[in-house]
PDB file of N, CA and C in Angstrom:
ATOM      1  N   ALA A   1      32.427  -8.105  30.948  1.00  0.00           N
ATOM      2  CA  ALA A   1      33.009  -8.319  32.265  1.00  0.00           C
ATOM      3  C   ALA A   1      32.282  -9.468  32.938  1.00  0.00           C
ATOM      4  N   LYS A   2      33.008 -10.336  33.519  1.00  0.00           N
ATOM      5  CA  LYS A   2      32.423 -11.476  34.218  1.00  0.00           C
ATOM      6  C   LYS A   2      32.355 -11.131  35.695  1.00  0.00           C
ATOM      7  N   SER A   3      31.262 -10.485  36.072  1.00  0.00           N
ATOM      8  CA  SER A   3      31.121 -10.084  37.459  1.00  0.00           C
ATOM      9  C   SER A   3      29.646  -9.984  37.824  1.00  0.00           C
ATOM     10  N   ILE A   4      29.372 -10.004  39.106  1.00  0.00           N
ATOM     11  CA  ILE A   4      28.017  -9.824  39.597  1.00  0.00           C
ATOM     12  C   ILE A   4      27.699  -8.334  39.527  1.00  0.00           C
ATOM     13  N   VAL A   5      26.615  -7.991  38.851  1.00  0.00           N
ATOM     14  CA  VAL A   5      26.258  -6.583  38.708  1.00  0.00           C
ATOM     15  C   VAL A   5      25.058  -6.204  39.554  1.00  0.00           C
ATOM     16  N   ALA A   6      24.319  -7.193  40.051  1.00  0.00           N
ATOM     17  CA  ALA A   6      23.176  -6.905  40.913  1.00  0.00           C
ATOM     18  C   ALA A   6      22.863  -8.131  41.756  1.00  0.00           C
ATOM     19  N   SER A   7      22.591  -7.874  43.024  1.00  0.00           N
ATOM     20  CA  SER A   7      22.212  -8.942  43.944  1.00  0.00           C
ATOM     21  C   SER A   7      21.322  -8.344  45.021  1.00  0.00           C
ATOM     22  N   ASP A   8      20.173  -8.963  45.251  1.00  0.00           N
ATOM     23  CA  ASP A   8      19.224  -8.451  46.232  1.00  0.00           C
ATOM     24  C   ASP A   8      18.199  -9.547  46.504  1.00  0.00           C
ATOM     25  N   GLN A   9      17.582  -9.518  47.649  1.00  0.00           N
ATOM     26  CA  GLN A   9      16.513 -10.465  47.959  1.00  0.00           C
ATOM     27  C   GLN A   9      15.251 -10.158  47.144  1.00  0.00           C
ATOM     28  N   ASP A  10      15.118  -8.921  46.699  1.00  0.00           N
ATOM     29  CA  ASP A  10      13.949  -8.468  45.937  1.00  0.00           C
ATOM     30  C   ASP A  10      14.230  -8.623  44.442  1.00  0.00           C
ATOM     31  N   ILE A  11      13.584  -9.589  43.816  1.00  0.00           N
ATOM     32  CA  ILE A  11      13.831  -9.876  42.397  1.00  0.00           C
ATOM     33  C   ILE A  11      13.502  -8.679  41.516  1.00  0.00           C
ATOM     34  N   ASP A  12      12.480  -7.911  41.871  1.00  0.00           N
ATOM     35  CA  ASP A  12      12.122  -6.752  41.059  1.00  0.00           C
ATOM     36  C   ASP A  12      13.225  -5.693  41.070  1.00  0.00           C
ATOM     37  N   ALA A  13      13.859  -5.490  42.216  1.00  0.00           N
ATOM     38  CA  ALA A  13      14.969  -4.531  42.312  1.00  0.00           C
ATOM     39  C   ALA A  13      16.138  -4.975  41.444  1.00  0.00           C
ATOM     40  N   VAL A  14      16.415  -6.264  41.463  1.00  0.00           N
ATOM     41  CA  VAL A  14      17.506  -6.796  40.641  1.00  0.00           C
ATOM     42  C   VAL A  14      17.175  -6.670  39.162  1.00  0.00           C
ATOM     43  N   LEU A  15      15.960  -7.031  38.787  1.00  0.00           N
ATOM     44  CA  LEU A  15      15.581  -6.958  37.372  1.00  0.00           C
ATOM     45  C   LEU A  15      15.640  -5.528  36.849  1.00  0.00           C
ATOM     46  N   GLU A  16      15.266  -4.561  37.665  1.00  0.00           N
ATOM     47  CA  GLU A  16      15.343  -3.162  37.237  1.00  0.00           C
ATOM     48  C   GLU A  16      16.784  -2.783  36.914  1.00  0.00           C
ATOM     49  N   LYS A  17      17.719  -3.183  37.768  1.00  0.00           N
ATOM     50  CA  LYS A  17      19.139  -2.905  37.519  1.00  0.00           C
ATOM     51  C   LYS A  17      19.623  -3.630  36.272  1.00  0.00           C
ATOM     52  N   ILE A  18      19.216  -4.884  36.141  1.00  0.00           N
ATOM     53  CA  ILE A  18      19.633  -5.695  34.996  1.00  0.00           C
ATOM     54  C   ILE A  18      19.083  -5.119  33.693  1.00  0.00           C
ATOM     55  N   TYR A  19      17.807  -4.752  33.693  1.00  0.00           N
ATOM     56  CA  TYR A  19      17.203  -4.178  32.487  1.00  0.00           C
ATOM     57  C   TYR A  19      17.952  -2.922  32.066  1.00  0.00           C
ATOM     58  N   ASP A  20      18.248  -2.043  33.017  1.00  0.00           N
ATOM     59  CA  ASP A  20      18.973  -0.814  32.690  1.00  0.00           C
ATOM     60  C   ASP A  20      20.331  -1.134  32.064  1.00  0.00           C
ATOM     61  N   LEU A  21      21.024  -2.069  32.647  1.00  0.00           N
ATOM     62  CA  LEU A  21      22.338  -2.442  32.139  1.00  0.00           C
ATOM     63  C   LEU A  21      22.244  -3.065  30.748  1.00  0.00           C
ATOM     64  N   ILE A  22      21.332  -3.999  30.576  1.00  0.00           N
ATOM     65  CA  ILE A  22      21.184  -4.684  29.293  1.00  0.00           C
ATOM     66  C   ILE A  22      20.800  -3.698  28.193  1.00  0.00           C
ATOM     67  N   LEU A  23      19.847  -2.826  28.477  1.00  0.00           N
ATOM     68  CA  LEU A  23      19.374  -1.905  27.451  1.00  0.00           C
ATOM     69  C   LEU A  23      20.403  -0.826  27.116  1.00  0.00           C
ATOM     70  N   SER A  24      21.378  -0.613  27.995  1.00  0.00           N
ATOM     71  CA  SER A  24      22.423   0.373  27.717  1.00  0.00           C
ATOM     72  C   SER A  24      23.523  -0.190  26.806  1.00  0.00           C
ATOM     73  N   GLN A  25      23.533  -1.484  26.591  1.00  0.00           N
ATOM     74  CA  GLN A  25      24.549  -2.152  25.764  1.00  0.00           C
ATOM     75  C   GLN A  25      24.083  -2.175  24.312  1.00  0.00           C
ATOM     76  N   LYS A  26      24.420  -1.151  23.562  1.00  0.00           N
ATOM     77  CA  LYS A  26      23.888  -0.976  22.206  1.00  0.00           C
ATOM     78  C   LYS A  26      24.506  -1.900  21.162  1.00  0.00           C
ATOM     79  N   LYS A  27      25.719  -2.364  21.358  1.00  0.00           N
ATOM     80  CA  LYS A  27      26.401  -3.146  20.323  1.00  0.00           C
ATOM     81  C   LYS A  27      26.341  -4.640  20.609  1.00  0.00           C
ATOM     82  N   ARG A  28      25.261  -5.083  21.163  1.00  0.00           N
ATOM     83  CA  ARG A  28      25.075  -6.507  21.473  1.00  0.00           C
ATOM     84  C   ARG A  28      23.907  -7.036  20.663  1.00  0.00           C
ATOM     85  N   ASP A  29      23.951  -8.333  20.356  1.00  0.00           N
ATOM     86  CA  ASP A  29      22.907  -8.945  19.544  1.00  0.00           C
ATOM     87  C   ASP A  29      22.119 -10.029  20.267  1.00  0.00           C
ATOM     88  N   LEU A  30      22.747 -10.664  21.259  1.00  0.00           N
ATOM     89  CA  LEU A  30      22.154 -11.836  21.893  1.00  0.00           C
ATOM     90  C   LEU A  30      22.244 -11.731  23.405  1.00  0.00           C
ATOM     91  N   LEU A  31      21.124 -11.989  24.068  1.00  0.00           N
ATOM     92  CA  LEU A  31      21.087 -12.112  25.518  1.00  0.00           C
ATOM     93  C   LEU A  31      20.786 -13.564  25.842  1.00  0.00           C
ATOM     94  N   THR A  32      21.668 -14.197  26.602  1.00  0.00           N
ATOM     95  CA  THR A  32      21.426 -15.548  27.080  1.00  0.00           C
ATOM     96  C   THR A  32      21.021 -15.451  28.539  1.00  0.00           C
ATOM     97  N   VAL A  33      19.874 -16.035  28.860  1.00  0.00           N
ATOM     98  CA  VAL A  33      19.362 -16.072  30.225  1.00  0.00           C
ATOM     99  C   VAL A  33      19.499 -17.510  30.702  1.00  0.00           C
ATOM    100  N   ILE A  34      20.254 -17.710  31.775  1.00  0.00           N
ATOM    101  CA  ILE A  34      20.436 -19.049  32.334  1.00  0.00           C
ATOM    102  C   ILE A  34      19.674 -19.089  33.654  1.00  0.00           C
ATOM    103  N   ALA A  35      18.585 -19.864  33.665  1.00  0.00           N
ATOM    104  CA  ALA A  35      17.729 -19.953  34.844  1.00  0.00           C
ATOM    105  C   ALA A  35      18.278 -20.988  35.820  1.00  0.00           C
ATOM    106  N   GLY A  36      18.354 -20.596  37.082  1.00  0.00           N
ATOM    107  CA  GLY A  36      18.861 -21.473  38.125  1.00  0.00           C
ATOM    108  C   GLY A  36      17.797 -22.418  38.648  1.00  0.00           C
ATOM    109  N   GLU A  37      18.197 -23.226  39.613  1.00  0.00           N
ATOM    110  CA  GLU A  37      17.265 -24.222  40.149  1.00  0.00           C
ATOM    111  C   GLU A  37      16.054 -23.580  40.811  1.00  0.00           C
ATOM    112  N   ASP A  38      16.165 -22.344  41.282  1.00  0.00           N
ATOM    113  CA  ASP A  38      15.003 -21.675  41.869  1.00  0.00           C
ATOM    114  C   ASP A  38      14.440 -20.578  40.967  1.00  0.00           C
ATOM    115  N   GLY A  39      14.848 -20.559  39.698  1.00  0.00           N
ATOM    116  CA  GLY A  39      14.279 -19.610  38.731  1.00  0.00           C
ATOM    117  C   GLY A  39      12.827 -20.001  38.455  1.00  0.00           C
ATOM    118  N   LYS A  40      11.973 -19.033  38.427  1.00  0.00           N
ATOM    119  CA  LYS A  40      10.537 -19.276  38.223  1.00  0.00           C
ATOM    120  C   LYS A  40      10.172 -19.030  36.763  1.00  0.00           C
ATOM    121  N   GLU A  41       9.344 -19.916  36.210  1.00  0.00           N
ATOM    122  CA  GLU A  41       8.969 -19.816  34.801  1.00  0.00           C
ATOM    123  C   GLU A  41       8.310 -18.476  34.489  1.00  0.00           C
ATOM    124  N   ASN A  42       7.439 -17.989  35.382  1.00  0.00           N
ATOM    125  CA  ASN A  42       6.766 -16.721  35.109  1.00  0.00           C
ATOM    126  C   ASN A  42       7.752 -15.550  35.111  1.00  0.00           C
ATOM    127  N   ILE A  43       8.766 -15.600  35.967  1.00  0.00           N
ATOM    128  CA  ILE A  43       9.792 -14.545  35.987  1.00  0.00           C
ATOM    129  C   ILE A  43      10.643 -14.633  34.716  1.00  0.00           C
ATOM    130  N   THR A  44      11.002 -15.838  34.332  1.00  0.00           N
ATOM    131  CA  THR A  44      11.784 -16.028  33.097  1.00  0.00           C
ATOM    132  C   THR A  44      11.010 -15.474  31.906  1.00  0.00           C
ATOM    133  N   ASN A  45       9.728 -15.784  31.828  1.00  0.00           N
ATOM    134  CA  ASN A  45       8.894 -15.278  30.732  1.00  0.00           C
ATOM    135  C   ASN A  45       8.805 -13.751  30.765  1.00  0.00           C
ATOM    136  N   GLN A  46       8.724 -13.180  31.962  1.00  0.00           N
ATOM    137  CA  GLN A  46       8.670 -11.721  32.123  1.00  0.00           C
ATOM    138  C   GLN A  46       9.955 -11.081  31.603  1.00  0.00           C
ATOM    139  N   ILE A  47      11.090 -11.684  31.920  1.00  0.00           N
ATOM    140  CA  ILE A  47      12.384 -11.175  31.462  1.00  0.00           C
ATOM    141  C   ILE A  47      12.440 -11.191  29.938  1.00  0.00           C
ATOM    142  N   VAL A  48      12.106 -12.324  29.340  1.00  0.00           N
ATOM    143  CA  VAL A  48      12.144 -12.471  27.880  1.00  0.00           C
ATOM    144  C   VAL A  48      11.217 -11.449  27.224  1.00  0.00           C
ATOM    145  N   GLU A  49      10.007 -11.342  27.721  1.00  0.00           N
ATOM    146  CA  GLU A  49       9.031 -10.421  27.145  1.00  0.00           C
ATOM    147  C   GLU A  49       9.519  -8.972  27.228  1.00  0.00           C
ATOM    148  N   PHE A  50      10.053  -8.577  28.383  1.00  0.00           N
ATOM    149  CA  PHE A  50      10.534  -7.209  28.538  1.00  0.00           C
ATOM    150  C   PHE A  50      11.659  -6.903  27.552  1.00  0.00           C
ATOM    151  N   ILE A  51      12.625  -7.789  27.471  1.00  0.00           N
ATOM    152  CA  ILE A  51      13.774  -7.562  26.586  1.00  0.00           C
ATOM    153  C   ILE A  51      13.333  -7.535  25.124  1.00  0.00           C
ATOM    154  N   GLU A  52      12.484  -8.455  24.733  1.00  0.00           N
ATOM    155  CA  GLU A  52      12.017  -8.487  23.340  1.00  0.00           C
ATOM    156  C   GLU A  52      11.185  -7.256  23.000  1.00  0.00           C
ATOM    157  N   ASP A  53      10.402  -6.748  23.968  1.00  0.00           N
ATOM    158  CA  ASP A  53       9.561  -5.574  23.733  1.00  0.00           C
ATOM    159  C   ASP A  53      10.351  -4.264  23.738  1.00  0.00           C
ATOM    160  N   ASN A  54      11.522  -4.252  24.366  1.00  0.00           N
ATOM    161  CA  ASN A  54      12.248  -3.003  24.567  1.00  0.00           C
ATOM    162  C   ASN A  54      13.628  -2.946  23.917  1.00  0.00           C
ATOM    163  N   SER A  55      13.959  -3.953  23.135  1.00  0.00           N
ATOM    164  CA  SER A  55      15.262  -3.951  22.474  1.00  0.00           C
ATOM    165  C   SER A  55      15.183  -4.792  21.200  1.00  0.00           C
ATOM    166  N   LYS A  56      16.289  -4.820  20.485  1.00  0.00           N
ATOM    167  CA  LYS A  56      16.390  -5.649  19.280  1.00  0.00           C
ATOM    168  C   LYS A  56      17.182  -6.918  19.556  1.00  0.00           C
ATOM    169  N   LEU A  57      17.440  -7.182  20.825  1.00  0.00           N
ATOM    170  CA  LEU A  57      18.219  -8.364  21.199  1.00  0.00           C
ATOM    171  C   LEU A  57      17.455  -9.652  20.931  1.00  0.00           C
ATOM    172  N   GLU A  58      18.162 -10.645  20.466  1.00  0.00           N
ATOM    173  CA  GLU A  58      17.629 -11.994  20.409  1.00  0.00           C
ATOM    174  C   GLU A  58      17.826 -12.572  21.813  1.00  0.00           C
ATOM    175  N   VAL A  59      16.844 -13.302  22.316  1.00  0.00           N
ATOM    176  CA  VAL A  59      16.932 -13.848  23.670  1.00  0.00           C
ATOM    177  C   VAL A  59      16.926 -15.369  23.608  1.00  0.00           C
ATOM    178  N   SER A  60      17.879 -15.964  24.285  1.00  0.00           N
ATOM    179  CA  SER A  60      17.981 -17.415  24.394  1.00  0.00           C
ATOM    180  C   SER A  60      17.887 -17.780  25.873  1.00  0.00           C
ATOM    181  N   VAL A  61      17.052 -18.766  26.202  1.00  0.00           N
ATOM    182  CA  VAL A  61      16.894 -19.200  27.587  1.00  0.00           C
ATOM    183  C   VAL A  61      17.429 -20.613  27.727  1.00  0.00           C
ATOM    184  N   ILE A  62      18.245 -20.807  28.749  1.00  0.00           N
ATOM    185  CA  ILE A  62      18.797 -22.123  29.067  1.00  0.00           C
ATOM    186  C   ILE A  62      18.420 -22.450  30.503  1.00  0.00           C
ATOM    187  N   GLN A  63      17.938 -23.651  30.733  1.00  0.00           N
ATOM    188  CA  GLN A  63      17.648 -24.099  32.098  1.00  0.00           C
ATOM    189  C   GLN A  63      18.932 -24.694  32.656  1.00  0.00           C
ATOM    190  N   GLY A  64      19.691 -23.878  33.375  1.00  0.00           N
ATOM    191  CA  GLY A  64      20.994 -24.300  33.891  1.00  0.00           C
ATOM    192  C   GLY A  64      20.925 -25.036  35.213  1.00  0.00           C
ATOM    193  N   ASN A  65      19.840 -24.792  35.962  1.00  0.00           N
ATOM    194  CA  ASN A  65      19.640 -25.418  37.274  1.00  0.00           C
ATOM    195  C   ASN A  65      20.789 -25.181  38.249  1.00  0.00           C
ATOM    196  N   GLN A  66      21.518 -24.072  38.079  1.00  0.00           N
ATOM    197  CA  GLN A  66      22.613 -23.776  38.997  1.00  0.00           C
ATOM    198  C   GLN A  66      22.054 -23.394  40.372  1.00  0.00           C
ATOM    199  N   PRO A  67      22.745 -23.819  41.433  1.00  0.00           N
ATOM    200  CA  PRO A  67      22.333 -23.405  42.775  1.00  0.00           C
ATOM    201  C   PRO A  67      22.775 -21.958  43.018  1.00  0.00           C
ATOM    202  N   VAL A  68      22.256 -21.366  44.033  1.00  0.00           N
ATOM    203  CA  VAL A  68      22.621 -20.035  44.529  1.00  0.00           C
ATOM    204  C   VAL A  68      22.074 -18.911  43.654  1.00  0.00           C
ATOM    205  N   TYR A  69      22.404 -18.885  42.365  1.00  0.00           N
ATOM    206  CA  TYR A  69      21.992 -17.790  41.495  1.00  0.00           C
ATOM    207  C   TYR A  69      20.714 -18.150  40.742  1.00  0.00           C
ATOM    208  N   SER A  70      19.660 -17.369  40.973  1.00  0.00           N
ATOM    209  CA  SER A  70      18.392 -17.624  40.286  1.00  0.00           C
ATOM    210  C   SER A  70      18.523 -17.445  38.785  1.00  0.00           C
ATOM    211  N   TYR A  71      19.317 -16.429  38.399  1.00  0.00           N
ATOM    212  CA  TYR A  71      19.514 -16.148  36.973  1.00  0.00           C
ATOM    213  C   TYR A  71      20.938 -15.670  36.739  1.00  0.00           C
ATOM    214  N   LEU A  72      21.480 -16.103  35.616  1.00  0.00           N
ATOM    215  CA  LEU A  72      22.740 -15.574  35.105  1.00  0.00           C
ATOM    216  C   LEU A  72      22.432 -15.036  33.716  1.00  0.00           C
ATOM    217  N   PHE A  73      23.088 -13.941  33.346  1.00  0.00           N
ATOM    218  CA  PHE A  73      22.848 -13.310  32.053  1.00  0.00           C
ATOM    219  C   PHE A  73      24.157 -13.171  31.307  1.00  0.00           C
ATOM    220  N   GLY A  74      24.121 -13.415  30.020  1.00  0.00           N
ATOM    221  CA  GLY A  74      25.289 -13.212  29.171  1.00  0.00           C
ATOM    222  C   GLY A  74      24.889 -12.391  27.969  1.00  0.00           C
ATOM    223  N   LEU A  75      25.650 -11.342  27.685  1.00  0.00           N
ATOM    224  CA  LEU A  75      25.403 -10.507  26.505  1.00  0.00           C
ATOM    225  C   LEU A  75      26.510 -10.725  25.499  1.00  0.00           C
ATOM    226  N   GLU A  76      26.114 -10.964  24.256  1.00  0.00           N
ATOM    227  CA  GLU A  76      27.101 -11.141  23.193  1.00  0.00           C
ATOM    228  C   GLU A  76      26.762 -10.219  22.041  1.00  0.00           C
TER     229      GLU A  76
END
């Protein structure tokens, strides 16, 4: 589904929702993380590390530099 699944000023609250959603998707192989213009390298690294440590997903990071959204995620 192409929709916003979490939005909040608190990045930790959003990541918790995102992690739950991503880890519940059992028939996926690849997570693409697209970092926006205000995406922080340490947060991006935290996301990658968490997903790699807690799932079998391959993680790909793209520096998209999109405005408004700090991160976009795609599951395939």
